[in-house]
Amino acid sequence: LAFGPMRPVGLIDPRTGRRPFAIVQLRQDDYLGHLFNMVGFQTKMTYPEQRRVFRMIPGLERAEFVRLGSLHRNTFVDSPRLLRPTLQLNARSDLFLAGQMIGVEGYVESAATGLLAAINAARLVNGREPLAAPCETSMGALLAYITNTSRREFQPMNANYGLMPATRNRLRGRDKKMAMGEQALRSLDDWIRRHCIEPPASSMVMTRQSESEIEPL
């Protein structure tokens, strides 16, 4: 957990001037600011045990817990065996799947696959060939990963730079990610032009942003 949701990136303890070992993020969960969500605290502990353990966290000793943590089951299909990169079922080309059920993780990933499925369903209805997203983009790379038939065991995946093809230049760190993002945008623009797809205001000038903001689709 200390390397996950409790990792104190960019946070300094004002009392000591040093970075703490771990932190707990409280995110406002209602309009009035009366409720706060503990980020990343999905758990299978019993409710009484959750109250006991969480009240050991400094500052939460007298907290009132309105909604306690739980885990949800992630059900997904065997995409490498059942699905094409166009999001069509192998057995039925007129049936499209998208979102968490195909083994993508994340809200953006689910929404992006839904958009591609909608584009391809419309193309199929109009007698046009469905499209696979370009592999240089994070969505194209993600769909290539989840439909890769050479994988013995399939598990869900989110979009990340590790799935995307490397650039020609040998770059590292932030410069490498910027180059991969620019490569993805060029590939996406070319894909949109070649297939006459109306661009959803995605053709933007990339500026040097924080790494957390550089997630090209």
Protein backbone atom coordinates (compact mmCIF):
# COMPACT_ATOMS: atom_id res chain seq x y z
CA LEU A 1 0.00 0.00 0.00
CA ALA A 2 2.90 2.35 0.65
CA PHE A 3 3.68 2.18 -3.09
CA GLY A 4 0.03 2.55 -4.12
CA PRO A 5 -2.70 4.89 -2.84
CA MET A 6 -0.69 5.70 0.31
CA ARG A 7 2.43 6.86 -1.55
CA PRO A 8 3.14 10.48 -0.51
CA VAL A 9 4.23 11.88 -3.89
CA GLY A 10 4.94 15.61 -3.66
CA LEU A 11 3.65 15.92 -0.09
CA ILE A 12 5.69 17.31 2.80
CA ASP A 13 4.73 17.06 6.47
CA PRO A 14 4.60 20.74 7.62
CA ARG A 15 5.51 19.67 11.15
CA THR A 16 8.80 18.03 10.17
CA GLY A 17 9.60 19.45 6.72
CA ARG A 18 10.13 15.89 5.47
CA ARG A 19 8.15 13.54 3.28
CA PRO A 20 6.07 11.13 5.37
CA PHE A 21 6.35 7.36 4.94
CA ALA A 22 2.69 7.04 3.92
CA ILE A 23 -0.43 9.20 3.65
CA VAL A 24 -4.20 8.73 3.53
CA GLN A 25 -6.07 10.85 0.98
CA LEU A 26 -9.49 12.18 1.98
CA ARG A 27 -11.53 13.28 -1.04
CA GLN A 28 -14.65 15.44 -0.60
CA ASP A 29 -17.69 13.26 -1.30
CA ASP A 30 -20.62 15.66 -1.02
CA TYR A 31 -21.51 19.24 -1.96
CA LEU A 32 -21.42 20.63 1.60
CA GLY A 33 -18.08 19.06 2.48
CA HIS A 34 -19.47 16.95 5.34
CA LEU A 35 -18.48 13.59 3.82
CA PHE A 36 -15.02 12.47 2.72
CA ASN A 37 -13.92 9.39 0.79
CA MET A 38 -10.78 7.46 1.80
CA VAL A 39 -9.02 6.99 -1.54
CA GLY A 40 -7.97 3.43 -2.43
CA PHE A 41 -9.42 1.70 0.63
CA GLN A 42 -11.34 -1.17 -0.94
CA THR A 43 -11.29 -3.95 1.63
CA LYS A 44 -12.86 -7.25 2.66
CA MET A 45 -12.44 -6.62 6.38
CA THR A 46 -15.61 -6.91 8.45
CA TYR A 47 -17.36 -3.65 9.28
CA PRO A 48 -16.44 -3.69 13.01
CA GLU A 49 -12.80 -4.39 12.09
CA GLN A 50 -12.78 -1.56 9.55
CA ARG A 51 -13.95 0.89 12.21
CA ARG A 52 -11.30 -0.35 14.63
CA VAL A 53 -8.39 -0.27 12.15
CA PHE A 54 -9.28 3.02 10.45
CA ARG A 55 -9.62 4.79 13.80
CA MET A 56 -5.95 3.97 14.39
CA ILE A 57 -5.09 6.49 11.62
CA PRO A 58 -4.08 9.85 13.16
CA GLY A 59 -6.93 12.32 12.75
CA LEU A 60 -9.62 9.66 12.31
CA GLU A 61 -9.82 8.52 15.94
CA ARG A 62 -13.31 10.00 16.36
CA ALA A 63 -14.48 9.81 12.74
CA GLU A 64 -18.04 8.72 11.99
CA PHE A 65 -18.05 6.14 9.18
CA VAL A 66 -21.14 6.67 7.02
CA ARG A 67 -20.28 4.07 4.36
CA LEU A 68 -17.69 1.35 4.89
CA GLY A 69 -15.42 -0.22 2.28
CA SER A 70 -16.21 -3.19 0.07
CA LEU A 71 -14.82 -5.02 -2.95
CA HIS A 72 -16.64 -5.52 -6.23
CA ARG A 73 -16.36 -8.47 -8.53
CA ASN A 74 -14.80 -7.73 -11.91
CA THR A 75 -16.45 -10.01 -14.48
CA PHE A 76 -15.01 -10.00 -18.01
CA VAL A 77 -15.06 -12.09 -21.16
CA ASP A 78 -12.09 -13.99 -22.61
CA SER A 79 -11.31 -11.24 -25.12
CA PRO A 80 -8.26 -12.88 -26.78
CA ARG A 81 -10.46 -15.82 -27.74
CA LEU A 82 -13.76 -14.02 -28.40
CA LEU A 83 -13.06 -10.48 -29.58
CA ARG A 84 -11.53 -8.68 -32.57
CA PRO A 85 -9.60 -5.38 -32.27
CA THR A 86 -12.67 -3.76 -33.90
CA LEU A 87 -14.65 -4.82 -30.78
CA GLN A 88 -16.76 -7.26 -32.80
CA LEU A 89 -17.33 -10.77 -31.53
CA ASN A 90 -15.55 -13.38 -33.64
CA ALA A 91 -18.71 -15.48 -33.73
CA ARG A 92 -21.04 -12.56 -34.56
CA SER A 93 -19.71 -9.60 -36.50
CA ASP A 94 -22.89 -7.61 -35.82
CA LEU A 95 -22.39 -7.74 -32.03
CA PHE A 96 -19.99 -5.30 -30.36
CA LEU A 97 -18.68 -5.31 -26.80
CA ALA A 98 -16.97 -2.49 -24.89
CA GLY A 99 -16.08 -1.30 -21.41
CA GLN A 100 -15.11 -3.25 -18.31
CA MET A 101 -16.65 -6.47 -19.61
CA ILE A 102 -13.96 -6.80 -22.32
CA GLY A 103 -11.13 -6.54 -19.79
CA VAL A 104 -10.18 -2.86 -19.87
CA GLU A 105 -9.75 -1.04 -16.57
CA GLY A 106 -10.51 2.63 -15.97
CA TYR A 107 -13.29 5.10 -16.75
CA VAL A 108 -11.46 6.67 -19.70
CA GLU A 109 -10.63 3.28 -21.18
CA SER A 110 -14.24 2.11 -20.88
CA ALA A 111 -15.60 5.31 -22.43
CA ALA A 112 -13.04 5.21 -25.27
CA THR A 113 -13.88 1.61 -26.20
CA GLY A 114 -17.57 2.53 -26.12
CA LEU A 115 -16.93 5.34 -28.61
CA LEU A 116 -15.00 3.02 -30.94
CA ALA A 117 -17.74 0.39 -30.71
CA ALA A 118 -20.34 3.04 -31.60
CA ILE A 119 -18.28 4.27 -34.57
CA ASN A 120 -17.86 0.72 -35.85
CA ALA A 121 -21.51 -0.20 -35.33
CA ALA A 122 -22.51 2.87 -37.39
CA ARG A 123 -19.99 1.97 -40.10
CA LEU A 124 -21.29 -1.60 -40.27
CA VAL A 125 -24.92 -0.44 -40.57
CA ASN A 126 -23.88 1.86 -43.43
CA GLY A 127 -22.05 -0.90 -45.29
CA ARG A 128 -18.54 0.22 -44.35
CA GLU A 129 -15.72 -1.80 -42.85
CA PRO A 130 -15.24 -1.52 -39.03
CA LEU A 131 -11.89 -0.09 -37.94
CA ALA A 132 -9.21 -0.99 -35.43
CA ALA A 133 -7.66 1.96 -33.58
CA PRO A 134 -4.05 2.72 -34.60
CA CYS A 135 -1.56 0.75 -32.53
CA GLU A 136 0.50 3.89 -31.79
CA THR A 137 -2.36 5.26 -29.66
CA SER A 138 -3.01 4.07 -26.13
CA MET A 139 -6.46 2.75 -27.07
CA GLY A 140 -5.14 0.89 -30.10
CA ALA A 141 -2.28 -0.57 -28.06
CA LEU A 142 -4.67 -1.57 -25.28
CA LEU A 143 -7.07 -3.30 -27.67
CA ALA A 144 -4.16 -5.07 -29.37
CA TYR A 145 -3.12 -6.33 -25.94
CA ILE A 146 -6.53 -7.62 -24.84
CA THR A 147 -7.16 -9.35 -28.18
CA ASN A 148 -3.69 -10.92 -28.42
CA THR A 149 -4.35 -14.64 -28.88
CA SER A 150 -0.82 -15.67 -27.84
CA ARG A 151 -1.50 -14.93 -24.16
CA ARG A 152 -2.02 -18.05 -22.04
CA GLU A 153 -3.81 -16.31 -19.19
CA PHE A 154 -5.81 -13.14 -19.77
CA GLN A 155 -6.27 -10.51 -17.05
CA PRO A 156 -7.73 -6.97 -17.33
CA MET A 157 -5.40 -4.11 -18.21
CA ASN A 158 -5.54 -0.31 -18.22
CA ALA A 159 -3.95 2.03 -20.76
CA ASN A 160 -0.27 2.64 -20.05
CA TYR A 161 2.91 3.59 -21.87
CA GLY A 162 4.29 0.06 -21.53
CA LEU A 163 1.77 -1.18 -24.12
CA MET A 164 2.60 1.48 -26.72
CA PRO A 165 5.31 1.06 -29.38
CA ALA A 166 8.59 2.83 -28.76
CA THR A 167 9.63 5.87 -30.78
CA ARG A 168 12.65 5.89 -33.10
CA ASN A 169 14.59 8.27 -30.88
CA ARG A 170 16.21 6.81 -27.77
CA LEU A 171 14.66 9.00 -25.13
CA ARG A 172 14.01 8.47 -21.45
CA GLY A 173 11.59 9.58 -18.77
CA ARG A 174 9.31 12.49 -19.51
CA ASP A 175 10.84 13.18 -22.94
CA LYS A 176 10.09 9.60 -23.97
CA LYS A 177 6.46 9.93 -22.88
CA MET A 178 6.10 13.25 -24.70
CA ALA A 179 7.48 11.69 -27.90
CA MET A 180 5.12 8.72 -27.58
CA GLY A 181 2.20 11.09 -27.04
CA GLU A 182 3.11 13.16 -30.10
CA GLN A 183 3.49 9.97 -32.16
CA ALA A 184 0.04 8.84 -30.98
CA LEU A 185 -1.59 12.15 -31.94
CA ARG A 186 -0.01 12.11 -35.41
CA SER A 187 -1.19 8.55 -35.95
CA LEU A 188 -4.70 9.41 -34.72
CA ASP A 189 -4.97 12.46 -36.99
CA ASP A 190 -3.86 10.39 -39.99
CA TRP A 191 -6.38 7.65 -39.07
CA ILE A 192 -9.19 10.21 -38.81
CA ARG A 193 -8.31 11.75 -42.20
CA ARG A 194 -7.97 8.41 -44.02
CA HIS A 195 -11.29 7.09 -42.77
CA CYS A 196 -13.21 10.40 -42.87
CA ILE A 197 -14.11 10.30 -39.18
CA GLU A 198 -15.34 13.51 -37.61
CA PRO A 199 -12.64 14.45 -35.06
CA PRO A 200 -13.89 15.00 -31.48
CA ALA A 201 -11.68 18.05 -30.89
CA SER A 202 -8.77 15.70 -30.17
CA SER A 203 -6.34 17.33 -32.61
CA MET A 204 -4.71 19.60 -30.10
CA VAL A 205 -1.27 21.08 -29.72
CA MET A 206 0.54 19.12 -27.03
CA THR A 207 2.34 21.17 -24.44
CA ARG A 208 4.65 19.95 -21.73
CA GLN A 209 2.29 19.02 -18.94
CA SER A 210 2.71 16.96 -15.82
CA GLU A 211 3.21 13.26 -16.45
CA SER A 212 -0.18 12.45 -14.94
CA GLU A 213 -1.89 14.55 -17.62
CA ILE A 214 -0.13 12.99 -20.61
CA GLU A 215 -2.44 10.11 -21.50
CA PRO A 216 -3.02 10.29 -25.28
CA LEU A 217 -5.98 8.38 -26.68
